[in-house]
Amino acid sequence: ADSMKGRFTISTDNAKNTGYLQMNSLKPED
């Protein structure tokens, strides 16, 4: 989503069958 670009990063670790959402520069509206 446009509002997340540059702040959030989505990734996967297929070996662990796990996905991640790294959230930086968090705002109250998050």
mmCIF file of all heavy atoms, coordinates in Angstrom:
data_MODEL
# 
_entry.id   MODEL 
# 
loop_
_atom_site.group_PDB 
_atom_site.id 
_atom_site.type_symbol 
_atom_site.label_atom_id 
_atom_site.label_alt_id 
_atom_site.label_comp_id 
_atom_site.label_asym_id 
_atom_site.label_entity_id 
_atom_site.label_seq_id 
_atom_site.pdbx_PDB_ins_code 
_atom_site.Cartn_x 
_atom_site.Cartn_y 
_atom_site.Cartn_z 
_atom_site.occupancy 
_atom_site.B_iso_or_equiv 
_atom_site.pdbx_formal_charge 
_atom_site.auth_seq_id 
_atom_site.auth_comp_id 
_atom_site.auth_asym_id 
_atom_site.auth_atom_id 
_atom_site.pdbx_PDB_model_num 
ATOM 1   N N   . ALA A 1 1  ? 0.842  -1.181  0.000  1.00 0.00 ? 1  ALA A N   1 
ATOM 2   C CA  . ALA A 1 1  ? 0.000  0.000   0.000  1.00 0.00 ? 1  ALA A CA  1 
ATOM 3   C C   . ALA A 1 1  ? 0.884  1.239   0.000  1.00 0.00 ? 1  ALA A C   1 
ATOM 4   O O   . ALA A 1 1  ? 1.969  1.241   0.589  1.00 0.00 ? 1  ALA A O   1 
ATOM 5   C CB  . ALA A 1 1  ? -0.919 0.001   1.225  1.00 0.00 ? 1  ALA A CB  1 
ATOM 6   N N   . ASP A 1 2  ? 0.413  2.298   -0.652 1.00 0.00 ? 2  ASP A N   1 
ATOM 7   C CA  . ASP A 1 2  ? 1.241  3.493   -0.790 1.00 0.00 ? 2  ASP A CA  1 
ATOM 8   C C   . ASP A 1 2  ? 1.689  4.046   0.560  1.00 0.00 ? 2  ASP A C   1 
ATOM 9   O O   . ASP A 1 2  ? 2.823  4.511   0.697  1.00 0.00 ? 2  ASP A O   1 
ATOM 10  C CB  . ASP A 1 2  ? 0.478  4.570   -1.565 1.00 0.00 ? 2  ASP A CB  1 
ATOM 11  C CG  . ASP A 1 2  ? 0.354  4.253   -3.040 1.00 0.00 ? 2  ASP A CG  1 
ATOM 12  O OD1 . ASP A 1 2  ? 1.101  3.396   -3.541 1.00 0.00 ? 2  ASP A OD1 1 
ATOM 13  O OD2 . ASP A 1 2  ? -0.500 4.878   -3.703 1.00 0.00 ? 2  ASP A OD2 1 
ATOM 14  N N   . SER A 1 3  ? 0.817  4.005   1.552  1.00 0.00 ? 3  SER A N   1 
ATOM 15  C CA  . SER A 1 3  ? 1.157  4.569   2.848  1.00 0.00 ? 3  SER A CA  1 
ATOM 16  C C   . SER A 1 3  ? 2.203  3.761   3.599  1.00 0.00 ? 3  SER A C   1 
ATOM 17  O O   . SER A 1 3  ? 2.762  4.250   4.586  1.00 0.00 ? 3  SER A O   1 
ATOM 18  C CB  . SER A 1 3  ? -0.103 4.714   3.704  1.00 0.00 ? 3  SER A CB  1 
ATOM 19  O OG  . SER A 1 3  ? -0.699 3.452   3.957  1.00 0.00 ? 3  SER A OG  1 
ATOM 20  N N   . MET A 1 4  ? 2.474  2.550   3.159  1.00 0.00 ? 4  MET A N   1 
ATOM 21  C CA  . MET A 1 4  ? 3.444  1.691   3.825  1.00 0.00 ? 4  MET A CA  1 
ATOM 22  C C   . MET A 1 4  ? 4.815  1.711   3.159  1.00 0.00 ? 4  MET A C   1 
ATOM 23  O O   . MET A 1 4  ? 5.794  1.285   3.774  1.00 0.00 ? 4  MET A O   1 
ATOM 24  C CB  . MET A 1 4  ? 2.963  0.238   3.857  1.00 0.00 ? 4  MET A CB  1 
ATOM 25  C CG  . MET A 1 4  ? 1.493  0.038   4.123  1.00 0.00 ? 4  MET A CG  1 
ATOM 26  S SD  . MET A 1 4  ? 0.925  0.807   5.649  1.00 0.00 ? 4  MET A SD  1 
ATOM 27  C CE  . MET A 1 4  ? -0.846 0.532   5.460  1.00 0.00 ? 4  MET A CE  1 
ATOM 28  N N   . LYS A 1 5  ? 4.880  2.182   1.928  1.00 0.00 ? 5  LYS A N   1 
ATOM 29  C CA  . LYS A 1 5  ? 6.129  2.145   1.188  1.00 0.00 ? 5  LYS A CA  1 
ATOM 30  C C   . LYS A 1 5  ? 7.203  2.947   1.907  1.00 0.00 ? 5  LYS A C   1 
ATOM 31  O O   . LYS A 1 5  ? 6.981  4.068   2.350  1.00 0.00 ? 5  LYS A O   1 
ATOM 32  C CB  . LYS A 1 5  ? 5.929  2.687   -0.226 1.00 0.00 ? 5  LYS A CB  1 
ATOM 33  C CG  . LYS A 1 5  ? 5.066  1.806   -1.106 1.00 0.00 ? 5  LYS A CG  1 
ATOM 34  C CD  . LYS A 1 5  ? 4.887  2.415   -2.493 1.00 0.00 ? 5  LYS A CD  1 
ATOM 35  C CE  . LYS A 1 5  ? 4.022  1.529   -3.369 1.00 0.00 ? 5  LYS A CE  1 
ATOM 36  N NZ  . LYS A 1 5  ? 3.803  2.139   -4.708 1.00 0.00 ? 5  LYS A NZ  1 
ATOM 37  N N   . GLY A 1 6  ? 8.369  2.337   2.026  1.00 0.00 ? 6  GLY A N   1 
ATOM 38  C CA  . GLY A 1 6  ? 9.478  2.989   2.695  1.00 0.00 ? 6  GLY A CA  1 
ATOM 39  C C   . GLY A 1 6  ? 9.492  2.790   4.190  1.00 0.00 ? 6  GLY A C   1 
ATOM 40  O O   . GLY A 1 6  ? 10.506 3.102   4.828  1.00 0.00 ? 6  GLY A O   1 
ATOM 41  N N   . ARG A 1 7  ? 8.421  2.294   4.772  1.00 0.00 ? 7  ARG A N   1 
ATOM 42  C CA  . ARG A 1 7  ? 8.351  2.055   6.211  1.00 0.00 ? 7  ARG A CA  1 
ATOM 43  C C   . ARG A 1 7  ? 8.212  0.574   6.552  1.00 0.00 ? 7  ARG A C   1 
ATOM 44  O O   . ARG A 1 7  ? 8.794  0.112   7.526  1.00 0.00 ? 7  ARG A O   1 
ATOM 45  C CB  . ARG A 1 7  ? 7.187  2.816   6.835  1.00 0.00 ? 7  ARG A CB  1 
ATOM 46  C CG  . ARG A 1 7  ? 7.281  4.328   6.710  1.00 0.00 ? 7  ARG A CG  1 
ATOM 47  C CD  . ARG A 1 7  ? 6.278  5.012   7.629  1.00 0.00 ? 7  ARG A CD  1 
ATOM 48  N NE  . ARG A 1 7  ? 4.899  4.629   7.330  1.00 0.00 ? 7  ARG A NE  1 
ATOM 49  C CZ  . ARG A 1 7  ? 4.053  4.115   8.213  1.00 0.00 ? 7  ARG A CZ  1 
ATOM 50  N NH1 . ARG A 1 7  ? 4.445  3.917   9.475  1.00 0.00 ? 7  ARG A NH1 1 
ATOM 51  N NH2 . ARG A 1 7  ? 2.813  3.810   7.860  1.00 0.00 ? 7  ARG A NH2 1 
ATOM 52  N N   . PHE A 1 8  ? 7.415  -0.143  5.771  1.00 0.00 ? 8  PHE A N   1 
ATOM 53  C CA  . PHE A 1 8  ? 7.142  -1.553  6.042  1.00 0.00 ? 8  PHE A CA  1 
ATOM 54  C C   . PHE A 1 8  ? 7.832  -2.417  4.995  1.00 0.00 ? 8  PHE A C   1 
ATOM 55  O O   . PHE A 1 8  ? 7.934  -2.033  3.823  1.00 0.00 ? 8  PHE A O   1 
ATOM 56  C CB  . PHE A 1 8  ? 5.646  -1.838  5.997  1.00 0.00 ? 8  PHE A CB  1 
ATOM 57  C CG  . PHE A 1 8  ? 4.835  -1.228  7.111  1.00 0.00 ? 8  PHE A CG  1 
ATOM 58  C CD1 . PHE A 1 8  ? 5.380  -0.339  8.009  1.00 0.00 ? 8  PHE A CD1 1 
ATOM 59  C CD2 . PHE A 1 8  ? 3.499  -1.566  7.246  1.00 0.00 ? 8  PHE A CD2 1 
ATOM 60  C CE1 . PHE A 1 8  ? 4.634  0.219   9.035  1.00 0.00 ? 8  PHE A CE1 1 
ATOM 61  C CE2 . PHE A 1 8  ? 2.729  -1.020  8.261  1.00 0.00 ? 8  PHE A CE2 1 
ATOM 62  C CZ  . PHE A 1 8  ? 3.293  -0.128  9.154  1.00 0.00 ? 8  PHE A CZ  1 
ATOM 63  N N   . THR A 1 9  ? 8.285  -3.588  5.423  1.00 0.00 ? 9  THR A N   1 
ATOM 64  C CA  . THR A 1 9  ? 8.910  -4.538  4.527  1.00 0.00 ? 9  THR A CA  1 
ATOM 65  C C   . THR A 1 9  ? 8.330  -5.923  4.776  1.00 0.00 ? 9  THR A C   1 
ATOM 66  O O   . THR A 1 9  ? 8.346  -6.410  5.906  1.00 0.00 ? 9  THR A O   1 
ATOM 67  C CB  . THR A 1 9  ? 10.432 -4.583  4.715  1.00 0.00 ? 9  THR A CB  1 
ATOM 68  O OG1 . THR A 1 9  ? 10.984 -3.278  4.523  1.00 0.00 ? 9  THR A OG1 1 
ATOM 69  C CG2 . THR A 1 9  ? 11.067 -5.539  3.714  1.00 0.00 ? 9  THR A CG2 1 
ATOM 70  N N   . ILE A 1 10 ? 7.834  -6.538  3.723  1.00 0.00 ? 10 ILE A N   1 
ATOM 71  C CA  . ILE A 1 10 ? 7.286  -7.884  3.818  1.00 0.00 ? 10 ILE A CA  1 
ATOM 72  C C   . ILE A 1 10 ? 8.331  -8.870  3.308  1.00 0.00 ? 10 ILE A C   1 
ATOM 73  O O   . ILE A 1 10 ? 9.058  -8.585  2.353  1.00 0.00 ? 10 ILE A O   1 
ATOM 74  C CB  . ILE A 1 10 ? 5.958  -7.998  3.036  1.00 0.00 ? 10 ILE A CB  1 
ATOM 75  C CG1 . ILE A 1 10 ? 5.275  -9.338  3.314  1.00 0.00 ? 10 ILE A CG1 1 
ATOM 76  C CG2 . ILE A 1 10 ? 6.169  -7.780  1.547  1.00 0.00 ? 10 ILE A CG2 1 
ATOM 77  C CD1 . ILE A 1 10 ? 3.849  -9.411  2.757  1.00 0.00 ? 10 ILE A CD1 1 
ATOM 78  N N   . SER A 1 11 ? 8.414  -10.030 3.938  1.00 0.00 ? 11 SER A N   1 
ATOM 79  C CA  . SER A 1 11 ? 9.396  -11.029 3.548  1.00 0.00 ? 11 SER A CA  1 
ATOM 80  C C   . SER A 1 11 ? 8.907  -12.414 3.944  1.00 0.00 ? 11 SER A C   1 
ATOM 81  O O   . SER A 1 11 ? 7.924  -12.555 4.670  1.00 0.00 ? 11 SER A O   1 
ATOM 82  C CB  . SER A 1 11 ? 10.760 -10.742 4.182  1.00 0.00 ? 11 SER A CB  1 
ATOM 83  O OG  . SER A 1 11 ? 10.688 -10.807 5.592  1.00 0.00 ? 11 SER A OG  1 
ATOM 84  N N   . THR A 1 12 ? 9.597  -13.432 3.457  1.00 0.00 ? 12 THR A N   1 
ATOM 85  C CA  . THR A 1 12 ? 9.280  -14.812 3.791  1.00 0.00 ? 12 THR A CA  1 
ATOM 86  C C   . THR A 1 12 ? 10.551 -15.577 4.115  1.00 0.00 ? 12 THR A C   1 
ATOM 87  O O   . THR A 1 12 ? 11.646 -15.214 3.682  1.00 0.00 ? 12 THR A O   1 
ATOM 88  C CB  . THR A 1 12 ? 8.555  -15.531 2.644  1.00 0.00 ? 12 THR A CB  1 
ATOM 89  O OG1 . THR A 1 12 ? 9.382  -15.550 1.480  1.00 0.00 ? 12 THR A OG1 1 
ATOM 90  C CG2 . THR A 1 12 ? 7.232  -14.855 2.323  1.00 0.00 ? 12 THR A CG2 1 
ATOM 91  N N   . ASP A 1 13 ? 10.395 -16.623 4.880  1.00 0.00 ? 13 ASP A N   1 
ATOM 92  C CA  . ASP A 1 13 ? 11.438 -17.607 5.116  1.00 0.00 ? 13 ASP A CA  1 
ATOM 93  C C   . ASP A 1 13 ? 10.786 -18.949 4.830  1.00 0.00 ? 13 ASP A C   1 
ATOM 94  O O   . ASP A 1 13 ? 10.139 -19.537 5.698  1.00 0.00 ? 13 ASP A O   1 
ATOM 95  C CB  . ASP A 1 13 ? 11.965 -17.526 6.540  1.00 0.00 ? 13 ASP A CB  1 
ATOM 96  C CG  . ASP A 1 13 ? 13.140 -18.454 6.784  1.00 0.00 ? 13 ASP A CG  1 
ATOM 97  O OD1 . ASP A 1 13 ? 13.316 -19.433 6.030  1.00 0.00 ? 13 ASP A OD1 1 
ATOM 98  O OD2 . ASP A 1 13 ? 13.894 -18.210 7.740  1.00 0.00 ? 13 ASP A OD2 1 
ATOM 99  N N   . ASN A 1 14 ? 10.953 -19.418 3.608  1.00 0.00 ? 14 ASN A N   1 
ATOM 100 C CA  . ASN A 1 14 ? 10.254 -20.626 3.201  1.00 0.00 ? 14 ASN A CA  1 
ATOM 101 C C   . ASN A 1 14 ? 10.707 -21.854 3.989  1.00 0.00 ? 14 ASN A C   1 
ATOM 102 O O   . ASN A 1 14 ? 9.913  -22.765 4.226  1.00 0.00 ? 14 ASN A O   1 
ATOM 103 C CB  . ASN A 1 14 ? 10.447 -20.869 1.705  1.00 0.00 ? 14 ASN A CB  1 
ATOM 104 C CG  . ASN A 1 14 ? 9.648  -19.912 0.856  1.00 0.00 ? 14 ASN A CG  1 
ATOM 105 O OD1 . ASN A 1 14 ? 8.693  -19.291 1.319  1.00 0.00 ? 14 ASN A OD1 1 
ATOM 106 N ND2 . ASN A 1 14 ? 10.013 -19.798 -0.413 1.00 0.00 ? 14 ASN A ND2 1 
ATOM 107 N N   . ALA A 1 15 ? 11.970 -21.874 4.391  1.00 0.00 ? 15 ALA A N   1 
ATOM 108 C CA  . ALA A 1 15 ? 12.465 -23.002 5.168  1.00 0.00 ? 15 ALA A CA  1 
ATOM 109 C C   . ALA A 1 15 ? 11.724 -23.131 6.493  1.00 0.00 ? 15 ALA A C   1 
ATOM 110 O O   . ALA A 1 15 ? 11.552 -24.240 7.008  1.00 0.00 ? 15 ALA A O   1 
ATOM 111 C CB  . ALA A 1 15 ? 13.965 -22.876 5.406  1.00 0.00 ? 15 ALA A CB  1 
ATOM 112 N N   . LYS A 1 16 ? 11.298 -22.006 7.053  1.00 0.00 ? 16 LYS A N   1 
ATOM 113 C CA  . LYS A 1 16 ? 10.561 -22.005 8.311  1.00 0.00 ? 16 LYS A CA  1 
ATOM 114 C C   . LYS A 1 16 ? 9.063  -21.892 8.103  1.00 0.00 ? 16 LYS A C   1 
ATOM 115 O O   . LYS A 1 16 ? 8.304  -21.869 9.076  1.00 0.00 ? 16 LYS A O   1 
ATOM 116 C CB  . LYS A 1 16 ? 11.041 -20.863 9.207  1.00 0.00 ? 16 LYS A CB  1 
ATOM 117 C CG  . LYS A 1 16 ? 12.495 -20.981 9.636  1.00 0.00 ? 16 LYS A CG  1 
ATOM 118 C CD  . LYS A 1 16 ? 12.880 -19.843 10.566 1.00 0.00 ? 16 LYS A CD  1 
ATOM 119 C CE  . LYS A 1 16 ? 14.318 -19.989 11.032 1.00 0.00 ? 16 LYS A CE  1 
ATOM 120 N NZ  . LYS A 1 16 ? 14.711 -18.896 11.953 1.00 0.00 ? 16 LYS A NZ  1 
ATOM 121 N N   . ASN A 1 17 ? 8.639  -21.788 6.840  1.00 0.00 ? 17 ASN A N   1 
ATOM 122 C CA  . ASN A 1 17 ? 7.224  -21.636 6.509  1.00 0.00 ? 17 ASN A CA  1 
ATOM 123 C C   . ASN A 1 17 ? 6.613  -20.452 7.253  1.00 0.00 ? 17 ASN A C   1 
ATOM 124 O O   . ASN A 1 17 ? 5.504  -20.538 7.803  1.00 0.00 ? 17 ASN A O   1 
ATOM 125 C CB  . ASN A 1 17 ? 6.459  -22.918 6.820  1.00 0.00 ? 17 ASN A CB  1 
ATOM 126 C CG  . ASN A 1 17 ? 5.401  -23.225 5.783  1.00 0.00 ? 17 ASN A CG  1 
ATOM 127 O OD1 . ASN A 1 17 ? 5.448  -22.749 4.651  1.00 0.00 ? 17 ASN A OD1 1 
ATOM 128 N ND2 . ASN A 1 17 ? 4.420  -24.039 6.156  1.00 0.00 ? 17 ASN A ND2 1 
ATOM 129 N N   . THR A 1 18 ? 7.338  -19.357 7.255  1.00 0.00 ? 18 THR A N   1 
ATOM 130 C CA  . THR A 1 18 ? 6.957  -18.184 8.022  1.00 0.00 ? 18 THR A CA  1 
ATOM 131 C C   . THR A 1 18 ? 7.115  -16.923 7.189  1.00 0.00 ? 18 THR A C   1 
ATOM 132 O O   . THR A 1 18 ? 8.097  -16.778 6.457  1.00 0.00 ? 18 THR A O   1 
ATOM 133 C CB  . THR A 1 18 ? 7.802  -18.067 9.297  1.00 0.00 ? 18 THR A CB  1 
ATOM 134 O OG1 . THR A 1 18 ? 7.614  -19.232 10.104 1.00 0.00 ? 18 THR A OG1 1 
ATOM 135 C CG2 . THR A 1 18 ? 7.413  -16.840 10.107 1.00 0.00 ? 18 THR A CG2 1 
ATOM 136 N N   . GLY A 1 19 ? 6.160  -16.028 7.300  1.00 0.00 ? 19 GLY A N   1 
ATOM 137 C CA  . GLY A 1 19 ? 6.246  -14.718 6.695  1.00 0.00 ? 19 GLY A CA  1 
ATOM 138 C C   . GLY A 1 19 ? 6.410  -13.654 7.755  1.00 0.00 ? 19 GLY A C   1 
ATOM 139 O O   . GLY A 1 19 ? 6.085  -13.864 8.930  1.00 0.00 ? 19 GLY A O   1 
ATOM 140 N N   . TYR A 1 20 ? 6.909  -12.497 7.329  1.00 0.00 ? 20 TYR A N   1 
ATOM 141 C CA  . TYR A 1 20 ? 7.207  -11.423 8.266  1.00 0.00 ? 20 TYR A CA  1 
ATOM 142 C C   . TYR A 1 20 ? 6.735  -10.089 7.715  1.00 0.00 ? 20 TYR A C   1 
ATOM 143 O O   . TYR A 1 20 ? 6.675  -9.878  6.505  1.00 0.00 ? 20 TYR A O   1 
ATOM 144 C CB  . TYR A 1 20 ? 8.712  -11.326 8.534  1.00 0.00 ? 20 TYR A CB  1 
ATOM 145 C CG  . TYR A 1 20 ? 9.317  -12.594 9.057  1.00 0.00 ? 20 TYR A CG  1 
ATOM 146 C CD1 . TYR A 1 20 ? 9.936  -13.494 8.202  1.00 0.00 ? 20 TYR A CD1 1 
ATOM 147 C CD2 . TYR A 1 20 ? 9.269  -12.903 10.417 1.00 0.00 ? 20 TYR A CD2 1 
ATOM 148 C CE1 . TYR A 1 20 ? 10.494 -14.663 8.669  1.00 0.00 ? 20 TYR A CE1 1 
ATOM 149 C CE2 . TYR A 1 20 ? 9.824  -14.077 10.894 1.00 0.00 ? 20 TYR A CE2 1 
ATOM 150 C CZ  . TYR A 1 20 ? 10.435 -14.950 10.026 1.00 0.00 ? 20 TYR A CZ  1 
ATOM 151 O OH  . TYR A 1 20 ? 10.986 -16.115 10.501 1.00 0.00 ? 20 TYR A OH  1 
ATOM 152 N N   . LEU A 1 21 ? 6.427  -9.196  8.621  1.00 0.00 ? 21 LEU A N   1 
ATOM 153 C CA  . LEU A 1 21 ? 6.175  -7.809  8.284  1.00 0.00 ? 21 LEU A CA  1 
ATOM 154 C C   . LEU A 1 21 ? 7.009  -6.956  9.222  1.00 0.00 ? 21 LEU A C   1 
ATOM 155 O O   . LEU A 1 21 ? 6.698  -6.865  10.418 1.00 0.00 ? 21 LEU A O   1 
ATOM 156 C CB  . LEU A 1 21 ? 4.694  -7.451  8.410  1.00 0.00 ? 21 LEU A CB  1 
ATOM 157 C CG  . LEU A 1 21 ? 4.336  -6.019  8.022  1.00 0.00 ? 21 LEU A CG  1 
ATOM 158 C CD1 . LEU A 1 21 ? 4.503  -5.818  6.511  1.00 0.00 ? 21 LEU A CD1 1 
ATOM 159 C CD2 . LEU A 1 21 ? 2.920  -5.671  8.450  1.00 0.00 ? 21 LEU A CD2 1 
ATOM 160 N N   . GLN A 1 22 ? 8.068  -6.367  8.698  1.00 0.00 ? 22 GLN A N   1 
ATOM 161 C CA  . GLN A 1 22 ? 8.898  -5.456  9.464  1.00 0.00 ? 22 GLN A CA  1 
ATOM 162 C C   . GLN A 1 22 ? 8.303  -4.063  9.353  1.00 0.00 ? 22 GLN A C   1 
ATOM 163 O O   . GLN A 1 22 ? 8.143  -3.542  8.249  1.00 0.00 ? 22 GLN A O   1 
ATOM 164 C CB  . GLN A 1 22 ? 10.334 -5.460  8.941  1.00 0.00 ? 22 GLN A CB  1 
ATOM 165 C CG  . GLN A 1 22 ? 11.261 -4.476  9.639  1.00 0.00 ? 22 GLN A CG  1 
ATOM 166 C CD  . GLN A 1 22 ? 11.535 -4.853  11.076 1.00 0.00 ? 22 GLN A CD  1 
ATOM 167 O OE1 . GLN A 1 22 ? 11.805 -6.018  11.368 1.00 0.00 ? 22 GLN A OE1 1 
ATOM 168 N NE2 . GLN A 1 22 ? 11.454 -3.885  11.982 1.00 0.00 ? 22 GLN A NE2 1 
ATOM 169 N N   . MET A 1 23 ? 7.991  -3.461  10.480 1.00 0.00 ? 23 MET A N   1 
ATOM 170 C CA  . MET A 1 23 ? 7.342  -2.165  10.524 1.00 0.00 ? 23 MET A CA  1 
ATOM 171 C C   . MET A 1 23 ? 8.266  -1.175  11.218 1.00 0.00 ? 23 MET A C   1 
ATOM 172 O O   . MET A 1 23 ? 8.592  -1.345  12.391 1.00 0.00 ? 23 MET A O   1 
ATOM 173 C CB  . MET A 1 23 ? 5.993  -2.246  11.248 1.00 0.00 ? 23 MET A CB  1 
ATOM 174 C CG  . MET A 1 23 ? 5.043  -3.276  10.655 1.00 0.00 ? 23 MET A CG  1 
ATOM 175 S SD  . MET A 1 23 ? 3.402  -3.243  11.439 1.00 0.00 ? 23 MET A SD  1 
ATOM 176 C CE  . MET A 1 23 ? 3.848  -3.761  13.100 1.00 0.00 ? 23 MET A CE  1 
ATOM 177 N N   . ASN A 1 24 ? 8.674  -0.159  10.490 1.00 0.00 ? 24 ASN A N   1 
ATOM 178 C CA  . ASN A 1 24 ? 9.539  0.886   11.013 1.00 0.00 ? 24 ASN A CA  1 
ATOM 179 C C   . ASN A 1 24 ? 8.819  2.226   10.967 1.00 0.00 ? 24 ASN A C   1 
ATOM 180 O O   . ASN A 1 24 ? 7.832  2.394   10.261 1.00 0.00 ? 24 ASN A O   1 
ATOM 181 C CB  . ASN A 1 24 ? 10.836 0.965   10.206 1.00 0.00 ? 24 ASN A CB  1 
ATOM 182 C CG  . ASN A 1 24 ? 11.648 -0.301  10.258 1.00 0.00 ? 24 ASN A CG  1 
ATOM 183 O OD1 . ASN A 1 24 ? 11.684 -0.988  11.276 1.00 0.00 ? 24 ASN A OD1 1 
ATOM 184 N ND2 . ASN A 1 24 ? 12.327 -0.610  9.158  1.00 0.00 ? 24 ASN A ND2 1 
ATOM 185 N N   . SER A 1 25 ? 9.346  3.180   11.707 1.00 0.00 ? 25 SER A N   1 
ATOM 186 C CA  . SER A 1 25 ? 8.785  4.533   11.738 1.00 0.00 ? 25 SER A CA  1 
ATOM 187 C C   . SER A 1 25 ? 7.283  4.507   11.989 1.00 0.00 ? 25 SER A C   1 
ATOM 188 O O   . SER A 1 25 ? 6.503  5.166   11.307 1.00 0.00 ? 25 SER A O   1 
ATOM 189 C CB  . SER A 1 25 ? 9.102  5.269   10.432 1.00 0.00 ? 25 SER A CB  1 
ATOM 190 O OG  . SER A 1 25 ? 10.497 5.354   10.218 1.00 0.00 ? 25 SER A OG  1 
ATOM 191 N N   . LEU A 1 26 ? 6.885  3.757   12.980 1.00 0.00 ? 26 LEU A N   1 
ATOM 192 C CA  . LEU A 1 26 ? 5.469  3.567   13.250 1.00 0.00 ? 26 LEU A CA  1 
ATOM 193 C C   . LEU A 1 26 ? 4.807  4.864   13.704 1.00 0.00 ? 26 LEU A C   1 
ATOM 194 O O   . LEU A 1 26 ? 5.418  5.677   14.404 1.00 0.00 ? 26 LEU A O   1 
ATOM 195 C CB  . LEU A 1 26 ? 5.271  2.476   14.293 1.00 0.00 ? 26 LEU A CB  1 
ATOM 196 C CG  . LEU A 1 26 ? 5.460  1.057   13.758 1.00 0.00 ? 26 LEU A CG  1 
ATOM 197 C CD1 . LEU A 1 26 ? 5.650  0.072   14.899 1.00 0.00 ? 26 LEU A CD1 1 
ATOM 198 C CD2 . LEU A 1 26 ? 4.257  0.655   12.900 1.00 0.00 ? 26 LEU A CD2 1 
ATOM 199 N N   . LYS A 1 27 ? 3.560  5.011   13.297 1.00 0.00 ? 27 LYS A N   1 
ATOM 200 C CA  . LYS A 1 27 ? 2.758  6.185   13.596 1.00 0.00 ? 27 LYS A CA  1 
ATOM 201 C C   . LYS A 1 27 ? 1.516  5.761   14.362 1.00 0.00 ? 27 LYS A C   1 
ATOM 202 O O   . LYS A 1 27 ? 1.068  4.625   14.243 1.00 0.00 ? 27 LYS A O   1 
ATOM 203 C CB  . LYS A 1 27 ? 2.343  6.890   12.304 1.00 0.00 ? 27 LYS A CB  1 
ATOM 204 C CG  . LYS A 1 27 ? 3.493  7.246   11.382 1.00 0.00 ? 27 LYS A CG  1 
ATOM 205 C CD  . LYS A 1 27 ? 2.975  7.783   10.050 1.00 0.00 ? 27 LYS A CD  1 
ATOM 206 C CE  . LYS A 1 27 ? 4.107  8.095   9.102  1.00 0.00 ? 27 LYS A CE  1 
ATOM 207 N NZ  . LYS A 1 27 ? 3.601  8.589   7.797  1.00 0.00 ? 27 LYS A NZ  1 
ATOM 208 N N   . PRO A 1 28 ? 0.923  6.663   15.139 1.00 0.00 ? 28 PRO A N   1 
ATOM 209 C CA  . PRO A 1 28 ? -0.305 6.297   15.848 1.00 0.00 ? 28 PRO A CA  1 
ATOM 210 C C   . PRO A 1 28 ? -1.393 5.772   14.924 1.00 0.00 ? 28 PRO A C   1 
ATOM 211 O O   . PRO A 1 28 ? -2.160 4.889   15.332 1.00 0.00 ? 28 PRO A O   1 
ATOM 212 C CB  . PRO A 1 28 ? -0.722 7.613   16.517 1.00 0.00 ? 28 PRO A CB  1 
ATOM 213 C CG  . PRO A 1 28 ? 0.572  8.317   16.752 1.00 0.00 ? 28 PRO A CG  1 
ATOM 214 C CD  . PRO A 1 28 ? 1.412  7.995   15.548 1.00 0.00 ? 28 PRO A CD  1 
ATOM 215 N N   . GLU A 1 29 ? -1.467 6.273   13.708 1.00 0.00 ? 29 GLU A N   1 
ATOM 216 C CA  . GLU A 1 29 ? -2.477 5.801   12.778 1.00 0.00 ? 29 GLU A CA  1 
ATOM 217 C C   . GLU A 1 29 ? -2.232 4.379   12.287 1.00 0.00 ? 29 GLU A C   1 
ATOM 218 O O   . GLU A 1 29 ? -3.079 3.805   11.599 1.00 0.00 ? 29 GLU A O   1 
ATOM 219 C CB  . GLU A 1 29 ? -2.613 6.752   11.574 1.00 0.00 ? 29 GLU A CB  1 
ATOM 220 C CG  . GLU A 1 29 ? -1.301 7.080   10.896 1.00 0.00 ? 29 GLU A CG  1 
ATOM 221 C CD  . GLU A 1 29 ? -0.708 8.400   11.359 1.00 0.00 ? 29 GLU A CD  1 
ATOM 222 O OE1 . GLU A 1 29 ? -0.717 8.664   12.588 1.00 0.00 ? 29 GLU A OE1 1 
ATOM 223 O OE2 . GLU A 1 29 ? -0.242 9.176   10.505 1.00 0.00 ? 29 GLU A OE2 1 
ATOM 224 N N   . ASP A 1 30 ? -1.082 3.799   12.622 1.00 0.00 ? 30 ASP A N   1 
ATOM 225 C CA  . ASP A 1 30 ? -0.830 2.394   12.330 1.00 0.00 ? 30 ASP A CA  1 
ATOM 226 C C   . ASP A 1 30 ? -1.479 1.462   13.347 1.00 0.00 ? 30 ASP A C   1 
ATOM 227 O O   . ASP A 1 30 ? -1.448 0.241   13.160 1.00 0.00 ? 30 ASP A O   1 
ATOM 228 C CB  . ASP A 1 30 ? 0.673  2.108   12.286 1.00 0.00 ? 30 ASP A CB  1 
ATOM 229 C CG  . ASP A 1 30 ? 1.377  2.833   11.153 1.00 0.00 ? 30 ASP A CG  1 
ATOM 230 O OD1 . ASP A 1 30 ? 0.813  2.888   10.034 1.00 0.00 ? 30 ASP A OD1 1 
ATOM 231 O OD2 . ASP A 1 30 ? 2.497  3.333   11.383 1.00 0.00 ? 30 ASP A OD2 1 
# 
